[in-house]
Amino acid sequence: MEKLISPVLAAIIIMLGLSACSSEISDAEVTTTYSQSSHEVSASEQESVSNTELTEQEETSEEAVMILKIGDETVPVTWEDNQAAAELEGLAESGLMIDMSKYGGFEQVGSIGQDITSDDEQITTAPGDIVLYSGDQIVIFYGSNSWAYTRLGKIDLTEDEITELLSNEDVTITITMQ
């Protein structure tokens, strides 16, 4: 009986050994396949990251800008880089419509509807100047005045074009983001 168990035991040990070798080879093949797949995914991920970075760069170069309309006419404006203009931009995101009134024969004035940060300084305005007065009033000049205002921007039109837009009657302005 011992003679029979020894060859059977030996055969089982040999089969287990071969099966372990076979398993090692299979694991190596699996690992190699996995490594190659990981490499392919990494290349795909890199392409995706590159595309995302490109999209973010395009979005940065196409940032939204504040648009001013006087009545139905969109006018070009160079906006100031200050806290008041930034807060006005925040209000413009939901669209800001302001009924303006002629005042003094040289300006149109309208309420923003809330206070925004002001940093008033004594200035002499010129046609096209857009300023904040008293923290909650926007003023657009078609003439000149000296007072303490916070600059918001400047309409980039000629004096004659500005006068034509603002001097005849009360206007409604709309400030939006685009």
C-alpha atoms as a PDB file:
ATOM      1  CA  MET A   1       0.000   0.000   0.000  1.00  0.00           C
ATOM      2  CA  GLU A   2       2.872   2.330   0.800  1.00  0.00           C
ATOM      3  CA  LYS A   3       4.218   1.740  -2.695  1.00  0.00           C
ATOM      4  CA  LEU A   4       0.871   2.827  -4.168  1.00  0.00           C
ATOM      5  CA  ILE A   5       0.544   5.964  -2.010  1.00  0.00           C
ATOM      6  CA  SER A   6       4.024   7.167  -2.819  1.00  0.00           C
ATOM      7  CA  PRO A   7       3.518   7.240  -6.620  1.00  0.00           C
ATOM      8  CA  VAL A   8       0.026   8.759  -6.171  1.00  0.00           C
ATOM      9  CA  LEU A   9       1.380  11.334  -3.720  1.00  0.00           C
ATOM     10  CA  ALA A  10       4.265  12.070  -6.057  1.00  0.00           C
ATOM     11  CA  ALA A  11       1.866  12.510  -8.982  1.00  0.00           C
ATOM     12  CA  ILE A  12      -0.304  14.906  -6.944  1.00  0.00           C
ATOM     13  CA  ILE A  13       2.753  16.938  -5.902  1.00  0.00           C
ATOM     14  CA  ILE A  14       3.987  17.098  -9.515  1.00  0.00           C
ATOM     15  CA  MET A  15       0.537  18.158 -10.765  1.00  0.00           C
ATOM     16  CA  LEU A  16       0.315  20.857  -8.107  1.00  0.00           C
ATOM     17  CA  GLY A  17       3.773  22.077  -9.029  1.00  0.00           C
ATOM     18  CA  LEU A  18       2.924  22.196 -12.724  1.00  0.00           C
ATOM     19  CA  SER A  19      -0.345  23.892 -12.018  1.00  0.00           C
ATOM     20  CA  ALA A  20       1.474  26.492  -9.928  1.00  0.00           C
ATOM     21  CA  CYS A  21       3.913  27.112 -12.805  1.00  0.00           C
ATOM     22  CA  SER A  22       1.033  27.410 -15.197  1.00  0.00           C
ATOM     23  CA  SER A  23      -0.639  29.847 -12.795  1.00  0.00           C
ATOM     24  CA  GLU A  24       2.526  31.934 -12.581  1.00  0.00           C
ATOM     25  CA  ILE A  25       2.732  32.184 -16.334  1.00  0.00           C
ATOM     26  CA  SER A  26      -0.901  33.083 -16.536  1.00  0.00           C
ATOM     27  CA  ASP A  27      -0.466  35.774 -13.844  1.00  0.00           C
ATOM     28  CA  ALA A  28       2.503  37.178 -15.764  1.00  0.00           C
ATOM     29  CA  GLU A  29       0.449  37.286 -18.944  1.00  0.00           C
ATOM     30  CA  VAL A  30      -2.412  38.947 -17.079  1.00  0.00           C
ATOM     31  CA  THR A  31      -0.031  41.467 -15.522  1.00  0.00           C
ATOM     32  CA  THR A  32       1.476  42.279 -18.913  1.00  0.00           C
ATOM     33  CA  THR A  33      -1.962  42.679 -20.440  1.00  0.00           C
ATOM     34  CA  TYR A  34      -3.028  44.861 -17.531  1.00  0.00           C
ATOM     35  CA  SER A  35       0.077  47.007 -17.841  1.00  0.00           C
ATOM     36  CA  GLN A  36      -0.524  47.503 -21.531  1.00  0.00           C
ATOM     37  CA  SER A  37      -4.171  48.410 -20.888  1.00  0.00           C
ATOM     38  CA  SER A  38      -3.114  50.848 -18.170  1.00  0.00           C
ATOM     39  CA  HIS A  39      -0.710  52.445 -20.599  1.00  0.00           C
ATOM     40  CA  GLU A  40      -3.469  52.818 -23.192  1.00  0.00           C
ATOM     41  CA  VAL A  41      -5.811  54.358 -20.617  1.00  0.00           C
ATOM     42  CA  SER A  42      -3.064  56.718 -19.515  1.00  0.00           C
ATOM     43  CA  ALA A  43      -2.577  57.897 -23.092  1.00  0.00           C
ATOM     44  CA  SER A  44      -6.322  58.372 -23.410  1.00  0.00           C
ATOM     45  CA  GLU A  45      -6.434  60.243 -20.106  1.00  0.00           C
ATOM     46  CA  GLN A  46      -3.576  62.472 -21.268  1.00  0.00           C
ATOM     47  CA  GLU A  47      -5.474  63.307 -24.448  1.00  0.00           C
ATOM     48  CA  SER A  48      -8.581  64.080 -22.394  1.00  0.00           C
ATOM     49  CA  VAL A  49      -6.590  66.338 -20.050  1.00  0.00           C
ATOM     50  CA  SER A  50      -5.064  68.134 -23.044  1.00  0.00           C
ATOM     51  CA  ASN A  51      -8.512  68.683 -24.555  1.00  0.00           C
ATOM     52  CA  THR A  52      -9.830  69.980 -21.212  1.00  0.00           C
ATOM     53  CA  GLU A  53      -6.898  72.402 -20.895  1.00  0.00           C
ATOM     54  CA  LEU A  54      -7.494  73.643 -24.452  1.00  0.00           C
ATOM     55  CA  THR A  55     -11.209  74.178 -23.734  1.00  0.00           C
ATOM     56  CA  GLU A  56     -10.377  76.097 -20.537  1.00  0.00           C
ATOM     57  CA  GLN A  57      -7.933  78.292 -22.473  1.00  0.00           C
ATOM     58  CA  GLU A  58     -10.593  79.008 -25.112  1.00  0.00           C
ATOM     59  CA  GLU A  59     -13.132  79.885 -22.407  1.00  0.00           C
ATOM     60  CA  THR A  60     -10.622  82.201 -20.724  1.00  0.00           C
ATOM     61  CA  SER A  61      -9.952  84.032 -23.975  1.00  0.00           C
ATOM     62  CA  GLU A  62     -13.706  84.314 -24.580  1.00  0.00           C
ATOM     63  CA  GLU A  63     -14.640  85.693 -21.153  1.00  0.00           C
ATOM     64  CA  ALA A  64     -17.994  87.386 -20.813  1.00  0.00           C
ATOM     65  CA  VAL A  65     -17.941  91.161 -21.168  1.00  0.00           C
ATOM     66  CA  MET A  66     -20.317  93.807 -19.887  1.00  0.00           C
ATOM     67  CA  ILE A  67     -22.510  95.288 -22.623  1.00  0.00           C
ATOM     68  CA  LEU A  68     -24.256  98.685 -22.446  1.00  0.00           C
ATOM     69  CA  LYS A  69     -27.314  99.490 -24.517  1.00  0.00           C
ATOM     70  CA  ILE A  70     -28.799 102.954 -24.653  1.00  0.00           C
ATOM     71  CA  GLY A  71     -32.329 102.382 -25.861  1.00  0.00           C
ATOM     72  CA  ASP A  72     -31.899  99.758 -28.580  1.00  0.00           C
ATOM     73  CA  GLU A  73     -28.348 100.751 -29.507  1.00  0.00           C
ATOM     74  CA  THR A  74     -25.377  98.800 -28.184  1.00  0.00           C
ATOM     75  CA  VAL A  75     -22.545 101.218 -27.471  1.00  0.00           C
ATOM     76  CA  PRO A  76     -18.858 100.409 -27.092  1.00  0.00           C
ATOM     77  CA  VAL A  77     -17.556 100.964 -23.563  1.00  0.00           C
ATOM     78  CA  THR A  78     -14.164 100.690 -21.919  1.00  0.00           C
ATOM     79  CA  TRP A  79     -14.979  99.661 -18.349  1.00  0.00           C
ATOM     80  CA  GLU A  80     -12.819 100.605 -15.377  1.00  0.00           C
ATOM     81  CA  ASP A  81     -10.910  97.919 -13.479  1.00  0.00           C
ATOM     82  CA  ASN A  82     -12.183  98.692  -9.976  1.00  0.00           C
ATOM     83  CA  GLN A  83     -14.465  97.307  -7.263  1.00  0.00           C
ATOM     84  CA  ALA A  84     -17.492  99.365  -8.316  1.00  0.00           C
ATOM     85  CA  ALA A  85     -17.288  98.161 -11.929  1.00  0.00           C
ATOM     86  CA  ALA A  86     -16.839  94.558 -10.714  1.00  0.00           C
ATOM     87  CA  GLU A  87     -19.981  94.855  -8.560  1.00  0.00           C
ATOM     88  CA  LEU A  88     -21.876  96.415 -11.476  1.00  0.00           C
ATOM     89  CA  GLU A  89     -20.769  93.426 -13.567  1.00  0.00           C
ATOM     90  CA  GLY A  90     -22.233  91.124 -10.916  1.00  0.00           C
ATOM     91  CA  LEU A  91     -25.574  92.929 -11.199  1.00  0.00           C
ATOM     92  CA  ALA A  92     -25.372  92.793 -15.002  1.00  0.00           C
ATOM     93  CA  GLU A  93     -25.214  88.984 -14.929  1.00  0.00           C
ATOM     94  CA  SER A  94     -28.960  88.883 -14.324  1.00  0.00           C
ATOM     95  CA  GLY A  95     -29.588  91.885 -16.580  1.00  0.00           C
ATOM     96  CA  LEU A  96     -29.881  95.431 -15.276  1.00  0.00           C
ATOM     97  CA  MET A  97     -32.376  97.876 -16.783  1.00  0.00           C
ATOM     98  CA  ILE A  98     -32.223 101.483 -15.572  1.00  0.00           C
ATOM     99  CA  ASP A  99     -34.592 104.307 -16.444  1.00  0.00           C
ATOM    100  CA  MET A 100     -32.472 107.412 -16.821  1.00  0.00           C
ATOM    101  CA  SER A 101     -33.508 111.072 -16.562  1.00  0.00           C
ATOM    102  CA  LYS A 102     -31.891 114.111 -18.135  1.00  0.00           C
ATOM    103  CA  TYR A 103     -30.424 116.430 -15.542  1.00  0.00           C
ATOM    104  CA  GLY A 104     -28.717 119.796 -15.815  1.00  0.00           C
ATOM    105  CA  GLY A 105     -28.425 119.713 -19.609  1.00  0.00           C
ATOM    106  CA  PHE A 106     -25.221 117.629 -19.474  1.00  0.00           C
ATOM    107  CA  GLU A 107     -26.027 114.194 -17.993  1.00  0.00           C
ATOM    108  CA  GLN A 108     -28.487 111.317 -17.664  1.00  0.00           C
ATOM    109  CA  VAL A 109     -28.969 109.882 -14.143  1.00  0.00           C
ATOM    110  CA  GLY A 110     -30.653 106.657 -12.962  1.00  0.00           C
ATOM    111  CA  SER A 111     -30.879 104.487  -9.875  1.00  0.00           C
ATOM    112  CA  ILE A 112     -29.049 101.155  -9.836  1.00  0.00           C
ATOM    113  CA  GLY A 113     -31.485  99.958  -7.167  1.00  0.00           C
ATOM    114  CA  GLN A 114     -28.870  99.191  -4.521  1.00  0.00           C
ATOM    115  CA  ASP A 115     -25.603 100.528  -3.171  1.00  0.00           C
ATOM    116  CA  ILE A 116     -22.327  99.359  -4.626  1.00  0.00           C
ATOM    117  CA  THR A 117     -18.829 100.144  -3.405  1.00  0.00           C
ATOM    118  CA  SER A 118     -17.775 103.688  -4.180  1.00  0.00           C
ATOM    119  CA  ASP A 119     -14.336 105.251  -4.154  1.00  0.00           C
ATOM    120  CA  ASP A 120     -15.263 108.839  -4.951  1.00  0.00           C
ATOM    121  CA  GLU A 121     -12.674 111.341  -6.061  1.00  0.00           C
ATOM    122  CA  GLN A 122     -13.027 114.886  -7.322  1.00  0.00           C
ATOM    123  CA  ILE A 123     -13.020 114.736 -11.123  1.00  0.00           C
ATOM    124  CA  THR A 124     -14.098 116.775 -14.113  1.00  0.00           C
ATOM    125  CA  THR A 125     -16.144 114.587 -16.424  1.00  0.00           C
ATOM    126  CA  ALA A 126     -16.224 114.593 -20.205  1.00  0.00           C
ATOM    127  CA  PRO A 127     -18.827 113.378 -22.703  1.00  0.00           C
ATOM    128  CA  GLY A 128     -19.072 109.594 -22.539  1.00  0.00           C
ATOM    129  CA  ASP A 129     -17.935 109.237 -18.928  1.00  0.00           C
ATOM    130  CA  ILE A 130     -19.938 106.693 -16.912  1.00  0.00           C
ATOM    131  CA  VAL A 131     -19.718 107.253 -13.158  1.00  0.00           C
ATOM    132  CA  LEU A 132     -21.249 106.163  -9.875  1.00  0.00           C
ATOM    133  CA  TYR A 133     -22.814 108.936  -7.811  1.00  0.00           C
ATOM    134  CA  SER A 134     -23.844 108.587  -4.187  1.00  0.00           C
ATOM    135  CA  GLY A 135     -23.193 104.817  -4.240  1.00  0.00           C
ATOM    136  CA  ASP A 136     -26.452 103.908  -6.008  1.00  0.00           C
ATOM    137  CA  GLN A 137     -26.840 106.212  -9.021  1.00  0.00           C
ATOM    138  CA  ILE A 138     -25.304 105.704 -12.437  1.00  0.00           C
ATOM    139  CA  VAL A 139     -24.582 108.862 -14.411  1.00  0.00           C
ATOM    140  CA  ILE A 140     -23.681 109.058 -18.107  1.00  0.00           C
ATOM    141  CA  PHE A 141     -22.389 112.407 -19.327  1.00  0.00           C
ATOM    142  CA  TYR A 142     -22.965 114.109 -22.667  1.00  0.00           C
ATOM    143  CA  GLY A 143     -21.458 117.325 -21.277  1.00  0.00           C
ATOM    144  CA  SER A 144     -19.032 118.120 -18.487  1.00  0.00           C
ATOM    145  CA  ASN A 145     -19.262 118.526 -14.717  1.00  0.00           C
ATOM    146  CA  SER A 146     -16.900 118.633 -11.727  1.00  0.00           C
ATOM    147  CA  TRP A 147     -17.878 116.592  -8.679  1.00  0.00           C
ATOM    148  CA  ALA A 148     -16.825 113.639  -6.529  1.00  0.00           C
ATOM    149  CA  TYR A 149     -17.611 110.422  -8.439  1.00  0.00           C
ATOM    150  CA  THR A 150     -16.393 106.847  -8.810  1.00  0.00           C
ATOM    151  CA  ARG A 151     -15.409 106.090 -12.394  1.00  0.00           C
ATOM    152  CA  LEU A 152     -17.166 103.096 -13.976  1.00  0.00           C
ATOM    153  CA  GLY A 153     -16.280 103.430 -17.648  1.00  0.00           C
ATOM    154  CA  LYS A 154     -16.123 105.510 -20.801  1.00  0.00           C
ATOM    155  CA  ILE A 155     -18.314 105.254 -23.912  1.00  0.00           C
ATOM    156  CA  ASP A 156     -16.065 104.966 -26.967  1.00  0.00           C
ATOM    157  CA  LEU A 157     -18.013 107.224 -29.346  1.00  0.00           C
ATOM    158  CA  THR A 158     -17.503 110.783 -30.560  1.00  0.00           C
ATOM    159  CA  GLU A 159     -18.907 113.688 -28.561  1.00  0.00           C
ATOM    160  CA  ASP A 160     -21.503 114.304 -31.293  1.00  0.00           C
ATOM    161  CA  GLU A 161     -22.662 110.652 -31.238  1.00  0.00           C
ATOM    162  CA  ILE A 162     -22.926 110.690 -27.438  1.00  0.00           C
ATOM    163  CA  THR A 163     -24.858 113.968 -27.464  1.00  0.00           C
ATOM    164  CA  GLU A 164     -27.257 112.574 -30.087  1.00  0.00           C
ATOM    165  CA  LEU A 165     -27.905 109.472 -27.936  1.00  0.00           C
ATOM    166  CA  LEU A 166     -28.411 111.241 -24.609  1.00  0.00           C
ATOM    167  CA  SER A 167     -29.437 114.895 -24.977  1.00  0.00           C
ATOM    168  CA  ASN A 168     -32.868 114.670 -26.621  1.00  0.00           C
ATOM    169  CA  GLU A 169     -34.995 112.748 -24.104  1.00  0.00           C
ATOM    170  CA  ASP A 170     -34.889 110.454 -21.091  1.00  0.00           C
ATOM    171  CA  VAL A 171     -33.449 107.054 -22.005  1.00  0.00           C
ATOM    172  CA  THR A 172     -33.447 103.528 -20.667  1.00  0.00           C
ATOM    173  CA  ILE A 173     -30.108 101.762 -20.428  1.00  0.00           C
ATOM    174  CA  THR A 174     -29.558  98.035 -20.201  1.00  0.00           C
ATOM    175  CA  ILE A 175     -26.378  96.474 -18.861  1.00  0.00           C
ATOM    176  CA  THR A 176     -25.898  92.756 -19.489  1.00  0.00           C
ATOM    177  CA  MET A 177     -23.138  90.181 -19.790  1.00  0.00           C
ATOM    178  CA  GLN A 178     -22.281  88.600 -23.122  1.00  0.00           C
END
